[in-house]
Structures are given as structure tokens and as C-alpha cells.
Amino acid sequence: MKRTIVGVVVVAGMVQLATTPAQAATKIDPVKALTSELAPGRAVNVRSTVKVTFARDLVTTSDLEGTIGFGSRGATASDVAQTLRYSKKLLRNLMRANPEETEALQEGPIRMISSEDASYVSGPVVDAALPQGTSWVRYGRTKLPASNLLLEVLEPATLKTLLTHRTSYRDGVLKGSIRTSKLAAVSSSFASRFGTRFKSGRDGKISYTLRLGPTGLVERLYAKAVLPRAKGSVHIESSSRYSDWGRQVTVLLPLRGDVIDREEVADDVPYQAPGIWN
């Protein structure tokens, strides 16, 4: 039986000194601070939590922790561990539909190493399907895990847009809100997960609080949204922390001998690489 899964960056910022000696204030551009971090071999550590509410008793949550590595265009690789949990009613529904997979997801975290070309998954959700001597299932091209399910502030265009839509900014804490149609027009990660067609009167709204560090880099992000879904809506809360900006890291992919392709065990592993972003 084919199984499907339900689950659902800088050493220093650019500093502009005032042109008159009487002004000692320093201004930092967060977007320039971010783009100066986007280089091969650099990375950031991320910890995030997500809560998705489909209905009052149908809730899934996720904890994610790991490293996201950069290239000149943005995030290009990651090594993360994720744990998924479900409310009692949702868990009962999932157990009826896919008991083995659901049980495996509850047994331990999903480990996933991703590049732009493939994702490698290990953990209880695939262990039973692994031949002796292998530890990973390789999936084809997939989305990289999001550092924040709603607002990917590792994208310069997204960060710039959030700065533009701020309603307040004080002591490094920025607050604002944005309609989903405007976000989908600039954020490739949001568009890939939630689509781009938001009808009039059915446009969702995302509110956010963003804390910037002394160099202009993002330290914390909290976002919440009500997004249209079929005839109803889905509520999402996503909180992320970013640390160790500028660390020198290369995300290493598993050795070929430790890997089996998903197609070889297609009936015994999830159809998509597991993760709430899918």
C-alpha cells in the first residue's frame, strides 16, 4: 500500500554614519546585513515551533532544530531534526487512515538532510523499510525545510517586504501585518506552500513580531495567520529563533552506500519527504 504523509544570516552589518559630526546615530540596513551573509560555507542555526489548527479539535504541532546553509542566492542546504505531534482527535483519524506511519511519526524525530537536488530522511518513519546496511531514504527534489512556516526571513525580498509593512519599530522590535496576496507576490517559499491565488474577500492576513540583533540580523520571529482553506480557514502560529549567524559550516550529504532511493521502497515509506512544510 502506498503511504502518504499528513503533516502536514552576518559578521557585521552595513553601517552608515551620519554626514554631520553632530549626529552620532548609526543606521543598519537588515536586508544588507542578511545579503552579506549569503555566501557558500556560511550558515545559521534555527529553532522553530509551529501550531496548525484545522478545527477546534484537529491540531498538529511541530518542533524543528538544526542548521541552514547558504549560497549566494539564499538557503541551499539544511540538516534538521523535526518532531510532529497531533491532538487526540486528529491522531485517532490518522491512526485509522495510516496506522503504521502515524505510529512511527510518534516514536521519534525525523532527521532530514537536504540540498537543492534531494532530501535524505532517517528515523522511525522509514526505519522499517531500510535494507541492512542503509540508514537513509533519498527523495528527489523537494522544498527545503522552512525556518519559519509562514515568513521565510532568510529571503531578502521577504525581509524587505516585512520591513516595509511594519506598523511599529522600537528598540530593535518590529511589528506589522501583511495580506497573503502581497506576501505570495514576493516570497517564493510562501507561494510554493500556500499558493498565489487568493480571491477577493478570501485573502488571508499574517501578523508578525520581528526582533533584530545589534548587527541588523534577525534573532526572533513570531507570526500568526488565518489562511483560507476550502470552505473554511486554517490558523497557523510559527515562532523561530536564529543564532550563530556567520558560522562556517558545510552540510555534508550521507555517503552513497548508506542510502536507498525512495523508488526502491515506495510502498513502505511516505510518498513525500516528511515534514509539516509538506
C-alpha atoms as a PDB file:
ATOM      1  CA  MET A   1       0.000   0.000   0.000  1.00  0.00           C
ATOM      2  CA  LYS A   2       1.416   3.365  -0.983  1.00  0.00           C
ATOM      3  CA  ARG A   3       1.515   5.550   2.076  1.00  0.00           C
ATOM      4  CA  THR A   4       1.043   9.290   2.157  1.00  0.00           C
ATOM      5  CA  ILE A   5       2.009  11.622   4.943  1.00  0.00           C
ATOM      6  CA  VAL A   6      -0.263  14.050   6.653  1.00  0.00           C
ATOM      7  CA  GLY A   7       1.635  16.718   8.276  1.00  0.00           C
ATOM      8  CA  VAL A   8       1.263  18.012   7.324  1.00  0.00           C
ATOM      9  CA  VAL A   9      22.033  35.249   8.277  1.00  0.00           C
ATOM     10  CA  VAL A  10      26.498  38.285   9.368  1.00  0.00           C
ATOM     11  CA  VAL A  11      29.815  39.085  10.828  1.00  0.00           C
ATOM     12  CA  ALA A  12      28.784  42.780  10.866  1.00  0.00           C
ATOM     13  CA  GLY A  13      26.009  44.811   9.265  1.00  0.00           C
ATOM     14  CA  MET A  14      26.484  47.596   6.757  1.00  0.00           C
ATOM     15  CA  VAL A  15      26.849  50.772   8.806  1.00  0.00           C
ATOM     16  CA  GLN A  16      26.023  54.231   7.550  1.00  0.00           C
ATOM     17  CA  LEU A  17      27.397  57.114   9.583  1.00  0.00           C
ATOM     18  CA  ALA A  18      25.618  60.436   9.712  1.00  0.00           C
ATOM     19  CA  THR A  19      27.059  63.045   7.385  1.00  0.00           C
ATOM     20  CA  THR A  20      27.291  65.700  10.073  1.00  0.00           C
ATOM     21  CA  PRO A  21      29.599  65.311  13.087  1.00  0.00           C
ATOM     22  CA  ALA A  22      26.836  66.416  15.419  1.00  0.00           C
ATOM     23  CA  GLN A  23      24.896  63.244  14.625  1.00  0.00           C
ATOM     24  CA  ALA A  24      26.380  60.116  16.159  1.00  0.00           C
ATOM     25  CA  ALA A  25      23.472  57.822  15.398  1.00  0.00           C
ATOM     26  CA  THR A  26      24.150  54.658  13.442  1.00  0.00           C
ATOM     27  CA  LYS A  27      21.699  53.114  10.995  1.00  0.00           C
ATOM     28  CA  ILE A  28      21.761  49.481   9.997  1.00  0.00           C
ATOM     29  CA  ASP A  29      20.019  48.002   6.980  1.00  0.00           C
ATOM     30  CA  PRO A  30      18.727  44.493   7.896  1.00  0.00           C
ATOM     31  CA  VAL A  31      18.423  43.470   4.241  1.00  0.00           C
ATOM     32  CA  LYS A  32      22.055  44.368   3.530  1.00  0.00           C
ATOM     33  CA  ALA A  33      23.057  42.587   6.721  1.00  0.00           C
ATOM     34  CA  LEU A  34      21.261  39.468   5.509  1.00  0.00           C
ATOM     35  CA  THR A  35      22.596  39.540   1.952  1.00  0.00           C
ATOM     36  CA  SER A  36      26.172  39.899   3.226  1.00  0.00           C
ATOM     37  CA  GLU A  37      25.667  36.519   4.932  1.00  0.00           C
ATOM     38  CA  LEU A  38      24.530  34.735   1.796  1.00  0.00           C
ATOM     39  CA  ALA A  39      27.703  33.008   0.719  1.00  0.00           C
ATOM     40  CA  PRO A  40      28.804  29.392   0.306  1.00  0.00           C
ATOM     41  CA  GLY A  41      30.130  27.908   3.531  1.00  0.00           C
ATOM     42  CA  ARG A  42      28.094  30.153   5.838  1.00  0.00           C
ATOM     43  CA  ALA A  43      25.105  29.077   7.877  1.00  0.00           C
ATOM     44  CA  VAL A  44      22.701  29.916  10.690  1.00  0.00           C
ATOM     45  CA  ASN A  45      21.208  27.792  13.458  1.00  0.00           C
ATOM     46  CA  VAL A  46      17.428  27.707  13.698  1.00  0.00           C
ATOM     47  CA  ARG A  47      14.911  26.543  16.292  1.00  0.00           C
ATOM     48  CA  SER A  48      11.242  26.825  15.420  1.00  0.00           C
ATOM     49  CA  THR A  49       7.829  25.706  16.588  1.00  0.00           C
ATOM     50  CA  VAL A  50       4.618  25.562  14.577  1.00  0.00           C
ATOM     51  CA  LYS A  51       0.990  25.037  15.542  1.00  0.00           C
ATOM     52  CA  VAL A  52      -1.576  24.404  12.825  1.00  0.00           C
ATOM     53  CA  THR A  53      -5.275  24.352  13.741  1.00  0.00           C
ATOM     54  CA  PHE A  54      -7.651  22.973  11.117  1.00  0.00           C
ATOM     55  CA  ALA A  55     -10.605  22.866  13.512  1.00  0.00           C
ATOM     56  CA  ARG A  56     -11.089  23.104  17.278  1.00  0.00           C
ATOM     57  CA  ASP A  57     -10.060  19.503  17.912  1.00  0.00           C
ATOM     58  CA  LEU A  58      -7.837  18.993  14.858  1.00  0.00           C
ATOM     59  CA  VAL A  59      -4.398  20.381  15.683  1.00  0.00           C
ATOM     60  CA  THR A  60      -0.865  19.461  14.705  1.00  0.00           C
ATOM     61  CA  THR A  61       2.347  20.905  16.164  1.00  0.00           C
ATOM     62  CA  SER A  62       5.965  20.694  15.113  1.00  0.00           C
ATOM     63  CA  ASP A  63       9.358  21.383  16.704  1.00  0.00           C
ATOM     64  CA  LEU A  64      12.349  21.825  14.418  1.00  0.00           C
ATOM     65  CA  GLU A  65      16.016  22.391  15.227  1.00  0.00           C
ATOM     66  CA  GLY A  66      19.094  22.407  13.026  1.00  0.00           C
ATOM     67  CA  THR A  67      21.341  24.281  10.620  1.00  0.00           C
ATOM     68  CA  ILE A  68      20.550  26.030   7.346  1.00  0.00           C
ATOM     69  CA  GLY A  69      23.444  26.595   4.949  1.00  0.00           C
ATOM     70  CA  PHE A  70      23.672  29.367   2.362  1.00  0.00           C
ATOM     71  CA  GLY A  71      24.803  30.008  -1.159  1.00  0.00           C
ATOM     72  CA  SER A  72      24.985  33.330  -2.966  1.00  0.00           C
ATOM     73  CA  ARG A  73      21.236  33.248  -3.688  1.00  0.00           C
ATOM     74  CA  GLY A  74      19.996  32.138  -0.283  1.00  0.00           C
ATOM     75  CA  ALA A  75      19.398  28.895   1.568  1.00  0.00           C
ATOM     76  CA  THR A  76      20.791  25.930  -0.365  1.00  0.00           C
ATOM     77  CA  ALA A  77      21.096  23.128   2.192  1.00  0.00           C
ATOM     78  CA  SER A  78      19.950  22.105   5.654  1.00  0.00           C
ATOM     79  CA  ASP A  79      20.396  19.498   8.363  1.00  0.00           C
ATOM     80  CA  VAL A  80      17.421  19.455  10.717  1.00  0.00           C
ATOM     81  CA  ALA A  81      15.504  17.261  13.137  1.00  0.00           C
ATOM     82  CA  GLN A  82      11.753  17.610  13.426  1.00  0.00           C
ATOM     83  CA  THR A  83       9.133  16.181  15.767  1.00  0.00           C
ATOM     84  CA  LEU A  84       5.446  16.090  14.841  1.00  0.00           C
ATOM     85  CA  ARG A  85       2.575  15.755  17.326  1.00  0.00           C
ATOM     86  CA  TYR A  86      -1.181  15.599  16.903  1.00  0.00           C
ATOM     87  CA  SER A  87      -4.241  16.374  19.010  1.00  0.00           C
ATOM     88  CA  LYS A  88      -6.169  13.317  20.258  1.00  0.00           C
ATOM     89  CA  LYS A  89      -8.923  13.577  17.672  1.00  0.00           C
ATOM     90  CA  LEU A  90      -6.553  14.160  14.760  1.00  0.00           C
ATOM     91  CA  LEU A  91      -4.365  11.315  15.979  1.00  0.00           C
ATOM     92  CA  ARG A  92      -7.352   8.964  16.040  1.00  0.00           C
ATOM     93  CA  ASN A  93      -8.235   9.952  12.473  1.00  0.00           C
ATOM     94  CA  LEU A  94      -4.677   9.426  11.267  1.00  0.00           C
ATOM     95  CA  MET A  95      -4.368   6.095  13.023  1.00  0.00           C
ATOM     96  CA  ARG A  96      -7.433   4.852  11.176  1.00  0.00           C
ATOM     97  CA  ALA A  97      -6.064   6.007   7.810  1.00  0.00           C
ATOM     98  CA  ASN A  98      -2.339   5.209   8.175  1.00  0.00           C
ATOM     99  CA  PRO A  99      -1.673   3.448  11.488  1.00  0.00           C
ATOM    100  CA  GLU A 100       1.906   2.297  10.868  1.00  0.00           C
ATOM    101  CA  GLU A 101       3.136   5.645   9.554  1.00  0.00           C
ATOM    102  CA  THR A 102       1.367   7.637  12.246  1.00  0.00           C
ATOM    103  CA  GLU A 103       2.771   5.440  14.978  1.00  0.00           C
ATOM    104  CA  ALA A 104       6.285   5.771  13.536  1.00  0.00           C
ATOM    105  CA  LEU A 105       5.986   9.555  13.468  1.00  0.00           C
ATOM    106  CA  GLN A 106       5.179   9.497  17.178  1.00  0.00           C
ATOM    107  CA  GLU A 107       8.180   7.320  18.068  1.00  0.00           C
ATOM    108  CA  GLY A 108      10.952   9.830  17.424  1.00  0.00           C
ATOM    109  CA  PRO A 109      12.164  12.803  15.453  1.00  0.00           C
ATOM    110  CA  ILE A 110      12.573  12.891  11.701  1.00  0.00           C
ATOM    111  CA  ARG A 111      16.154  13.674  10.644  1.00  0.00           C
ATOM    112  CA  MET A 112      16.459  15.236   7.221  1.00  0.00           C
ATOM    113  CA  ILE A 113      19.489  16.458   5.301  1.00  0.00           C
ATOM    114  CA  SER A 114      18.598  18.458   2.202  1.00  0.00           C
ATOM    115  CA  SER A 115      20.299  20.008  -0.781  1.00  0.00           C
ATOM    116  CA  GLU A 116      18.710  21.728  -3.764  1.00  0.00           C
ATOM    117  CA  ASP A 117      18.626  18.371  -5.575  1.00  0.00           C
ATOM    118  CA  ALA A 118      17.478  15.859  -2.968  1.00  0.00           C
ATOM    119  CA  SER A 119      16.474  15.205   0.640  1.00  0.00           C
ATOM    120  CA  TYR A 120      17.693  12.328   2.797  1.00  0.00           C
ATOM    121  CA  VAL A 121      15.397  11.080   5.560  1.00  0.00           C
ATOM    122  CA  SER A 122      16.146   8.874   8.569  1.00  0.00           C
ATOM    123  CA  GLY A 123      14.266   7.954  11.725  1.00  0.00           C
ATOM    124  CA  PRO A 124      11.419   5.634  12.774  1.00  0.00           C
ATOM    125  CA  VAL A 125       9.200   6.776   9.902  1.00  0.00           C
ATOM    126  CA  VAL A 126      11.497   4.985   7.393  1.00  0.00           C
ATOM    127  CA  ASP A 127      13.476   2.549   9.562  1.00  0.00           C
ATOM    128  CA  ALA A 128      11.273  -0.457   8.869  1.00  0.00           C
ATOM    129  CA  ALA A 129      11.787  -0.118   5.115  1.00  0.00           C
ATOM    130  CA  LEU A 130      15.593   0.171   5.208  1.00  0.00           C
ATOM    131  CA  PRO A 131      17.663  -2.787   3.978  1.00  0.00           C
ATOM    132  CA  GLN A 132      20.523  -3.849   6.225  1.00  0.00           C
ATOM    133  CA  GLY A 133      23.481  -1.506   5.906  1.00  0.00           C
ATOM    134  CA  THR A 134      21.467   1.554   4.921  1.00  0.00           C
ATOM    135  CA  SER A 135      20.351   4.459   7.123  1.00  0.00           C
ATOM    136  CA  TRP A 136      18.725   6.976   4.775  1.00  0.00           C
ATOM    137  CA  VAL A 137      15.962   7.171   2.193  1.00  0.00           C
ATOM    138  CA  ARG A 138      16.663   9.609  -0.606  1.00  0.00           C
ATOM    139  CA  TYR A 139      13.809  11.652  -2.040  1.00  0.00           C
ATOM    140  CA  GLY A 140      14.069  13.676  -5.237  1.00  0.00           C
ATOM    141  CA  ARG A 141      13.979  17.445  -5.434  1.00  0.00           C
ATOM    142  CA  THR A 142      11.902  18.770  -2.527  1.00  0.00           C
ATOM    143  CA  LYS A 143      11.302  22.052  -0.734  1.00  0.00           C
ATOM    144  CA  LEU A 144      13.961  22.927   1.834  1.00  0.00           C
ATOM    145  CA  PRO A 145      12.542  22.993   5.368  1.00  0.00           C
ATOM    146  CA  ALA A 146      11.292  26.439   6.290  1.00  0.00           C
ATOM    147  CA  SER A 147      12.988  28.348   9.097  1.00  0.00           C
ATOM    148  CA  ASN A 148       9.504  29.756   9.737  1.00  0.00           C
ATOM    149  CA  LEU A 149       6.495  28.166   8.094  1.00  0.00           C
ATOM    150  CA  LEU A 150       4.771  31.490   7.365  1.00  0.00           C
ATOM    151  CA  LEU A 151       7.539  34.062   6.904  1.00  0.00           C
ATOM    152  CA  GLU A 152      10.874  32.987   5.450  1.00  0.00           C
ATOM    153  CA  VAL A 153      13.081  35.866   6.623  1.00  0.00           C
ATOM    154  CA  LEU A 154      16.121  34.185   5.055  1.00  0.00           C
ATOM    155  CA  GLU A 155      14.775  35.500   1.733  1.00  0.00           C
ATOM    156  CA  PRO A 156      15.931  39.122   1.213  1.00  0.00           C
ATOM    157  CA  ALA A 157      12.769  40.018  -0.717  1.00  0.00           C
ATOM    158  CA  THR A 158      10.559  38.713   2.080  1.00  0.00           C
ATOM    159  CA  LEU A 159      12.528  40.503   4.789  1.00  0.00           C
ATOM    160  CA  LYS A 160      12.409  43.766   2.787  1.00  0.00           C
ATOM    161  CA  THR A 161       8.653  43.456   2.421  1.00  0.00           C
ATOM    162  CA  LEU A 162       8.138  42.852   6.142  1.00  0.00           C
ATOM    163  CA  LEU A 163      10.192  45.965   6.931  1.00  0.00           C
ATOM    164  CA  THR A 164       8.012  47.950   4.530  1.00  0.00           C
ATOM    165  CA  HIS A 165       4.777  46.744   6.127  1.00  0.00           C
ATOM    166  CA  ARG A 166       5.784  47.485   9.708  1.00  0.00           C
ATOM    167  CA  THR A 167       3.334  49.297  11.931  1.00  0.00           C
ATOM    168  CA  SER A 168       5.824  49.965  14.740  1.00  0.00           C
ATOM    169  CA  TYR A 169       9.575  49.738  15.316  1.00  0.00           C
ATOM    170  CA  ARG A 170      11.256  50.385  18.647  1.00  0.00           C
ATOM    171  CA  ASP A 171      14.395  49.093  20.366  1.00  0.00           C
ATOM    172  CA  GLY A 172      15.014  46.541  17.637  1.00  0.00           C
ATOM    173  CA  VAL A 173      11.488  45.099  17.796  1.00  0.00           C
ATOM    174  CA  LEU A 174       9.403  45.471  14.677  1.00  0.00           C
ATOM    175  CA  LYS A 175       5.698  44.687  14.404  1.00  0.00           C
ATOM    176  CA  GLY A 176       3.486  44.582  11.356  1.00  0.00           C
ATOM    177  CA  SER A 177       0.967  42.726   9.233  1.00  0.00           C
ATOM    178  CA  ILE A 178       0.629  41.756   5.590  1.00  0.00           C
ATOM    179  CA  ARG A 179      -2.041  40.263   3.348  1.00  0.00           C
ATOM    180  CA  THR A 180      -1.267  36.855   1.914  1.00  0.00           C
ATOM    181  CA  SER A 181      -1.668  38.031  -1.689  1.00  0.00           C
ATOM    182  CA  LYS A 182       1.071  40.643  -1.203  1.00  0.00           C
ATOM    183  CA  LEU A 183       3.356  38.153   0.519  1.00  0.00           C
ATOM    184  CA  ALA A 184       2.848  35.492  -2.161  1.00  0.00           C
ATOM    185  CA  ALA A 185       3.950  38.013  -4.809  1.00  0.00           C
ATOM    186  CA  VAL A 186       7.429  38.400  -3.248  1.00  0.00           C
ATOM    187  CA  SER A 187       8.055  35.221  -1.253  1.00  0.00           C
ATOM    188  CA  SER A 188       8.803  32.132  -3.317  1.00  0.00           C
ATOM    189  CA  SER A 189       8.702  29.887  -0.236  1.00  0.00           C
ATOM    190  CA  PHE A 190       5.259  31.131   0.833  1.00  0.00           C
ATOM    191  CA  ALA A 191       3.892  30.825  -2.700  1.00  0.00           C
ATOM    192  CA  SER A 192       5.204  27.273  -3.050  1.00  0.00           C
ATOM    193  CA  ARG A 193       3.499  26.174   0.170  1.00  0.00           C
ATOM    194  CA  PHE A 194       0.254  28.116   0.162  1.00  0.00           C
ATOM    195  CA  GLY A 195      -0.272  29.129  -3.458  1.00  0.00           C
ATOM    196  CA  THR A 196      -0.696  32.508  -5.145  1.00  0.00           C
ATOM    197  CA  ARG A 197      -4.407  32.677  -5.913  1.00  0.00           C
ATOM    198  CA  PHE A 198      -6.150  34.444  -3.068  1.00  0.00           C
ATOM    199  CA  LYS A 199      -9.622  35.604  -4.065  1.00  0.00           C
ATOM    200  CA  SER A 200     -11.121  38.921  -3.063  1.00  0.00           C
ATOM    201  CA  GLY A 201     -12.692  38.572   0.339  1.00  0.00           C
ATOM    202  CA  ARG A 202     -10.745  35.367   0.940  1.00  0.00           C
ATOM    203  CA  ASP A 203      -7.309  36.940   1.302  1.00  0.00           C
ATOM    204  CA  GLY A 204      -5.588  35.847   4.497  1.00  0.00           C
ATOM    205  CA  LYS A 205      -3.671  38.068   6.888  1.00  0.00           C
ATOM    206  CA  ILE A 206      -0.388  37.467   8.691  1.00  0.00           C
ATOM    207  CA  SER A 207       0.639  39.441  11.779  1.00  0.00           C
ATOM    208  CA  TYR A 208       4.247  39.340  12.942  1.00  0.00           C
ATOM    209  CA  THR A 209       6.768  40.482  15.520  1.00  0.00           C
ATOM    210  CA  LEU A 210      10.415  40.572  14.461  1.00  0.00           C
ATOM    211  CA  ARG A 211      13.386  41.184  16.745  1.00  0.00           C
ATOM    212  CA  LEU A 212      16.662  42.343  15.223  1.00  0.00           C
ATOM    213  CA  GLY A 213      20.071  41.986  16.813  1.00  0.00           C
ATOM    214  CA  PRO A 214      22.673  44.778  17.080  1.00  0.00           C
ATOM    215  CA  THR A 215      24.092  43.931  13.644  1.00  0.00           C
ATOM    216  CA  GLY A 216      20.663  44.048  11.989  1.00  0.00           C
ATOM    217  CA  LEU A 217      20.254  40.290  11.697  1.00  0.00           C
ATOM    218  CA  VAL A 218      17.038  38.566  12.736  1.00  0.00           C
ATOM    219  CA  GLU A 219      17.156  36.961  16.179  1.00  0.00           C
ATOM    220  CA  ARG A 220      13.492  36.074  16.729  1.00  0.00           C
ATOM    221  CA  LEU A 221      10.320  35.931  14.700  1.00  0.00           C
ATOM    222  CA  TYR A 222       6.734  35.222  15.721  1.00  0.00           C
ATOM    223  CA  ALA A 223       3.968  35.092  13.145  1.00  0.00           C
ATOM    224  CA  LYS A 224       0.319  34.111  13.205  1.00  0.00           C
ATOM    225  CA  ALA A 225      -2.173  33.864  10.385  1.00  0.00           C
ATOM    226  CA  VAL A 226      -5.657  32.891   9.342  1.00  0.00           C
ATOM    227  CA  LEU A 227      -5.467  31.430   5.848  1.00  0.00           C
ATOM    228  CA  PRO A 228      -8.381  30.455   3.581  1.00  0.00           C
ATOM    229  CA  ARG A 229      -8.790  26.714   3.102  1.00  0.00           C
ATOM    230  CA  ALA A 230     -11.589  25.171   1.053  1.00  0.00           C
ATOM    231  CA  LYS A 231     -14.810  26.490   2.605  1.00  0.00           C
ATOM    232  CA  GLY A 232     -13.173  27.325   5.913  1.00  0.00           C
ATOM    233  CA  SER A 233      -9.833  28.515   7.207  1.00  0.00           C
ATOM    234  CA  VAL A 234      -6.703  27.262   8.908  1.00  0.00           C
ATOM    235  CA  HIS A 235      -4.971  29.016  11.813  1.00  0.00           C
ATOM    236  CA  ILE A 236      -1.156  28.909  11.932  1.00  0.00           C
ATOM    237  CA  GLU A 237       1.272  30.144  14.581  1.00  0.00           C
ATOM    238  CA  SER A 238       5.000  29.920  13.888  1.00  0.00           C
ATOM    239  CA  SER A 239       7.853  31.033  16.168  1.00  0.00           C
ATOM    240  CA  SER A 240      11.565  30.934  15.257  1.00  0.00           C
ATOM    241  CA  ARG A 241      14.919  31.760  16.831  1.00  0.00           C
ATOM    242  CA  TYR A 242      18.106  32.383  14.830  1.00  0.00           C
ATOM    243  CA  SER A 243      21.601  32.101  16.306  1.00  0.00           C
ATOM    244  CA  ASP A 244      25.269  31.707  15.376  1.00  0.00           C
ATOM    245  CA  TRP A 245      24.983  33.831  12.251  1.00  0.00           C
ATOM    246  CA  GLY A 246      28.087  33.657  10.106  1.00  0.00           C
ATOM    247  CA  ARG A 247      29.267  30.268  11.312  1.00  0.00           C
ATOM    248  CA  GLN A 248      31.393  28.377   8.822  1.00  0.00           C
ATOM    249  CA  VAL A 249      29.613  25.114   8.009  1.00  0.00           C
ATOM    250  CA  THR A 250      29.356  22.701   5.131  1.00  0.00           C
ATOM    251  CA  VAL A 251      26.265  20.485   5.201  1.00  0.00           C
ATOM    252  CA  LEU A 252      27.530  17.006   4.340  1.00  0.00           C
ATOM    253  CA  LEU A 253      25.268  14.601   2.496  1.00  0.00           C
ATOM    254  CA  PRO A 254      25.103  10.923   3.516  1.00  0.00           C
ATOM    255  CA  LEU A 255      27.503   8.500   1.858  1.00  0.00           C
ATOM    256  CA  ARG A 256      26.065   6.744  -1.186  1.00  0.00           C
ATOM    257  CA  GLY A 257      26.419   3.325   0.410  1.00  0.00           C
ATOM    258  CA  ASP A 258      24.193   4.404   3.316  1.00  0.00           C
ATOM    259  CA  VAL A 259      21.346   5.485   1.055  1.00  0.00           C
ATOM    260  CA  ILE A 260      18.458   3.820  -0.731  1.00  0.00           C
ATOM    261  CA  ASP A 261      16.234   5.679  -3.197  1.00  0.00           C
ATOM    262  CA  ARG A 262      12.560   6.126  -2.322  1.00  0.00           C
ATOM    263  CA  GLU A 263      11.510   4.397  -5.532  1.00  0.00           C
ATOM    264  CA  GLU A 264      13.060   1.169  -4.262  1.00  0.00           C
ATOM    265  CA  VAL A 265      10.895   1.162  -1.124  1.00  0.00           C
ATOM    266  CA  ALA A 266       7.993   3.205  -2.480  1.00  0.00           C
ATOM    267  CA  ASP A 267       5.239   1.173  -0.838  1.00  0.00           C
ATOM    268  CA  ASP A 268       6.780   1.314   2.626  1.00  0.00           C
ATOM    269  CA  VAL A 269       7.731   4.962   3.146  1.00  0.00           C
ATOM    270  CA  PRO A 270       5.834   8.254   2.896  1.00  0.00           C
ATOM    271  CA  TYR A 271       5.186   9.469  -0.638  1.00  0.00           C
ATOM    272  CA  GLN A 272       6.694  12.884   0.189  1.00  0.00           C
ATOM    273  CA  ALA A 273       9.661  13.715   2.382  1.00  0.00           C
ATOM    274  CA  PRO A 274       8.042  14.020   5.833  1.00  0.00           C
ATOM    275  CA  GLY A 275       7.613  17.485   7.288  1.00  0.00           C
ATOM    276  CA  ILE A 276       4.945  19.970   8.239  1.00  0.00           C
ATOM    277  CA  TRP A 277       6.086  22.142   5.295  1.00  0.00           C
ATOM    278  CA  ASN A 278       4.706  19.406   3.016  1.00  0.00           C
END
